[in-house]
Amino acid sequence: MRNGLVRELKQEEVVEHPSHDVSVLELRDPLPNIEGCPLAAEPAGTGDSVVCLGHVSAMPTVEARWHGKKLAISGWCAVSSVRDCNGRIKRLFTLNVNANDIKLHGVQGFEIDVQSVVGMSGGPVVHHGTREVVGMLSIGLPPDAPVRKQTFAVAAAEILPLLDH
């Protein structure tokens, strides 16, 4: 985590939902001294002020050792890979994407007026006023550009039902 906390993640704690470009971590034990942001029950609106929390695809500095078949990460520094962007929700619409790595059909989402980079996908979009997660970063266009001029997110309303699988 950005605060330096390292926690083992087990495969059974990860539930993938490719239809929404979302993976849900169902942690068995709470994280110590971590205060998260709740998912918004109400949809975000056009013009709402948000921050997109993400990382660039550059590998952070990692302290790690192999223990048998497990890679034990004892520490890391993400300063060089953090990429957070302040912006506003530009428009709400239904996402229909048929790309090699993402297939979204009829998924509620929105466009944010920030430029994104590879590595930011999966990061939360947090509402400045409520501090609630209103969406998760999904795709950017153009797809092959180092900096994506259009950035899109899956709405929290699409993610909430996935938590009750």
Protein backbone atom coordinates (compact mmCIF):
# COMPACT_ATOMS: atom_id res chain seq x y z
CA MET A 1 0.00 0.00 0.00
CA ARG A 2 1.12 3.58 -0.40
CA ASN A 3 1.83 3.80 3.34
CA GLY A 4 4.37 0.96 3.00
CA LEU A 5 2.14 -1.76 4.46
CA VAL A 6 2.67 -5.14 2.84
CA ARG A 7 0.07 -7.90 3.19
CA GLU A 8 -0.06 -11.37 1.68
CA LEU A 9 -2.80 -11.69 -0.91
CA LYS A 10 -4.22 -15.15 -1.42
CA GLN A 11 -5.71 -16.28 -4.72
CA GLU A 12 -9.05 -17.12 -3.06
CA GLU A 13 -9.32 -13.48 -1.93
CA VAL A 14 -9.46 -12.24 -5.55
CA VAL A 15 -12.76 -12.42 -7.42
CA GLU A 16 -12.60 -11.35 -11.06
CA HIS A 17 -15.51 -9.75 -12.92
CA PRO A 18 -14.30 -9.32 -16.52
CA SER A 19 -17.79 -8.22 -17.64
CA HIS A 20 -17.19 -5.00 -15.64
CA ASP A 21 -13.37 -4.80 -15.92
CA VAL A 22 -13.23 -5.13 -12.10
CA SER A 23 -11.52 -7.46 -9.65
CA VAL A 24 -12.79 -7.49 -6.06
CA LEU A 25 -10.43 -8.24 -3.18
CA GLU A 26 -12.28 -10.00 -0.37
CA LEU A 27 -9.74 -9.71 2.44
CA ARG A 28 -10.22 -12.30 5.19
CA ASP A 29 -8.52 -10.12 7.82
CA PRO A 30 -8.90 -6.36 8.21
CA LEU A 31 -5.95 -4.16 7.35
CA PRO A 32 -4.45 -2.49 10.42
CA ASN A 33 -4.60 1.31 10.60
CA ILE A 34 -6.16 1.62 7.14
CA GLU A 35 -9.15 3.82 6.57
CA GLY A 36 -10.71 3.30 3.17
CA CYS A 37 -13.23 5.26 1.17
CA PRO A 38 -16.70 3.73 0.85
CA LEU A 39 -18.33 3.06 -2.51
CA ALA A 40 -20.91 5.72 -3.33
CA ALA A 41 -24.53 4.61 -3.17
CA GLU A 42 -25.61 7.58 -5.27
CA PRO A 43 -24.26 8.13 -8.79
CA ALA A 44 -21.84 10.93 -9.52
CA GLY A 45 -23.00 13.81 -11.68
CA THR A 46 -21.63 15.70 -14.64
CA GLY A 47 -19.28 18.41 -13.41
CA ASP A 48 -18.55 16.72 -10.05
CA SER A 49 -14.98 17.28 -8.83
CA VAL A 50 -12.98 14.05 -8.45
CA VAL A 51 -9.47 12.73 -7.94
CA CYS A 52 -8.27 9.70 -9.91
CA LEU A 53 -5.80 7.67 -7.86
CA GLY A 54 -3.39 5.63 -9.91
CA HIS A 55 0.11 4.54 -10.72
CA VAL A 56 2.19 4.59 -13.86
CA SER A 57 3.36 1.25 -15.17
CA ALA A 58 6.93 1.85 -13.99
CA MET A 59 8.01 -0.71 -11.42
CA PRO A 60 8.40 0.78 -7.92
CA THR A 61 11.50 0.10 -5.83
CA VAL A 62 10.79 -3.23 -4.11
CA GLU A 63 12.54 -5.11 -1.30
CA ALA A 64 11.74 -8.80 -1.76
CA ARG A 65 13.06 -12.33 -1.26
CA TRP A 66 11.87 -15.72 -2.40
CA HIS A 67 10.71 -18.11 0.34
CA GLY A 68 10.07 -21.39 -1.45
CA LYS A 69 7.40 -20.65 -4.06
CA LYS A 70 6.32 -17.36 -2.42
CA LEU A 71 7.75 -13.95 -3.18
CA ALA A 72 7.88 -12.11 0.15
CA ILE A 73 7.80 -8.34 -0.30
CA SER A 74 9.14 -6.70 2.85
CA GLY A 75 8.96 -3.11 1.63
CA TRP A 76 8.58 -0.87 -1.36
CA CYS A 77 8.61 2.77 -2.40
CA ALA A 78 5.92 3.91 -4.80
CA VAL A 79 6.90 7.59 -4.95
CA SER A 80 8.19 7.29 -8.52
CA SER A 81 5.08 5.46 -9.75
CA VAL A 82 2.25 7.47 -8.14
CA ARG A 83 0.02 9.27 -10.65
CA ASP A 84 -2.99 11.06 -9.15
CA CYS A 85 -5.07 13.48 -11.21
CA ASN A 86 -7.68 16.04 -10.16
CA GLY A 87 -10.51 16.60 -12.58
CA ARG A 88 -14.23 16.69 -13.22
CA ILE A 89 -16.74 14.23 -14.57
CA LYS A 90 -17.21 15.27 -18.18
CA ARG A 91 -20.19 13.08 -19.13
CA LEU A 92 -22.16 10.05 -18.00
CA PHE A 93 -22.93 7.27 -20.48
CA THR A 94 -23.11 3.54 -21.08
CA LEU A 95 -19.78 1.85 -21.83
CA ASN A 96 -19.68 -0.54 -24.78
CA VAL A 97 -16.11 -1.67 -25.43
CA ASN A 98 -14.95 -4.64 -27.49
CA ALA A 99 -11.15 -4.57 -27.21
CA ASN A 100 -8.66 -7.41 -26.91
CA ASP A 101 -8.31 -7.02 -23.15
CA ILE A 102 -11.63 -5.39 -22.17
CA LYS A 103 -15.19 -6.33 -23.09
CA LEU A 104 -17.83 -4.05 -21.60
CA HIS A 105 -21.42 -4.22 -22.80
CA GLY A 106 -24.10 -1.96 -21.36
CA VAL A 107 -22.01 -0.96 -18.31
CA GLN A 108 -22.75 2.42 -16.68
CA GLY A 109 -19.74 4.67 -16.65
CA PHE A 110 -18.42 8.15 -17.18
CA GLU A 111 -15.66 10.16 -18.82
CA ILE A 112 -13.31 12.25 -16.71
CA ASP A 113 -11.53 15.34 -18.04
CA VAL A 114 -8.04 14.09 -17.08
CA GLN A 115 -5.30 12.50 -19.11
CA SER A 116 -4.27 9.03 -17.97
CA VAL A 117 -1.38 6.67 -18.57
CA VAL A 118 -0.87 2.91 -18.68
CA GLY A 119 -0.97 1.57 -15.14
CA MET A 120 -3.79 3.74 -13.82
CA SER A 121 -6.50 1.21 -14.72
CA GLY A 122 -8.23 -0.20 -11.65
CA GLY A 123 -7.56 2.89 -9.57
CA PRO A 124 -10.44 4.51 -7.68
CA VAL A 125 -12.17 7.73 -8.71
CA VAL A 126 -12.91 9.57 -5.45
CA HIS A 127 -15.47 12.39 -5.14
CA HIS A 128 -13.82 15.49 -3.64
CA GLY A 129 -16.85 16.49 -1.59
CA THR A 130 -18.03 13.16 -0.16
CA ARG A 131 -14.70 11.21 -0.21
CA GLU A 132 -16.65 8.28 -1.65
CA VAL A 133 -15.44 6.11 -4.52
CA VAL A 134 -17.75 6.96 -7.44
CA GLY A 135 -16.00 4.72 -9.97
CA MET A 136 -12.97 2.70 -11.01
CA LEU A 137 -10.63 3.73 -13.84
CA SER A 138 -11.03 1.41 -16.79
CA ILE A 139 -9.84 2.60 -20.20
CA GLY A 140 -8.16 5.48 -21.95
CA LEU A 141 -8.07 6.58 -25.57
CA PRO A 142 -6.28 6.49 -27.90
CA PRO A 143 -5.34 2.97 -26.82
CA ASP A 144 -1.76 2.95 -28.12
CA ALA A 145 -0.74 6.43 -26.97
CA PRO A 146 1.61 6.86 -23.99
CA VAL A 147 -0.76 9.53 -22.63
CA ARG A 148 -4.49 8.87 -23.04
CA LYS A 149 -6.40 12.07 -23.75
CA GLN A 150 -9.77 10.50 -22.89
CA THR A 151 -10.21 8.63 -19.60
CA PHE A 152 -13.21 6.45 -18.70
CA ALA A 153 -14.39 4.79 -15.50
CA VAL A 154 -16.92 2.14 -14.51
CA ALA A 155 -19.54 3.67 -12.18
CA ALA A 156 -19.69 2.55 -8.54
CA ALA A 157 -23.34 1.58 -9.11
CA GLU A 158 -22.04 -1.21 -11.36
CA ILE A 159 -19.51 -2.39 -8.77
CA LEU A 160 -21.77 -2.48 -5.67
CA PRO A 161 -23.81 -5.53 -6.80
CA LEU A 162 -20.57 -7.44 -7.48
CA LEU A 163 -19.73 -7.28 -3.77
CA ASP A 164 -22.73 -9.49 -2.92
CA HIS A 165 -21.91 -12.40 -5.23
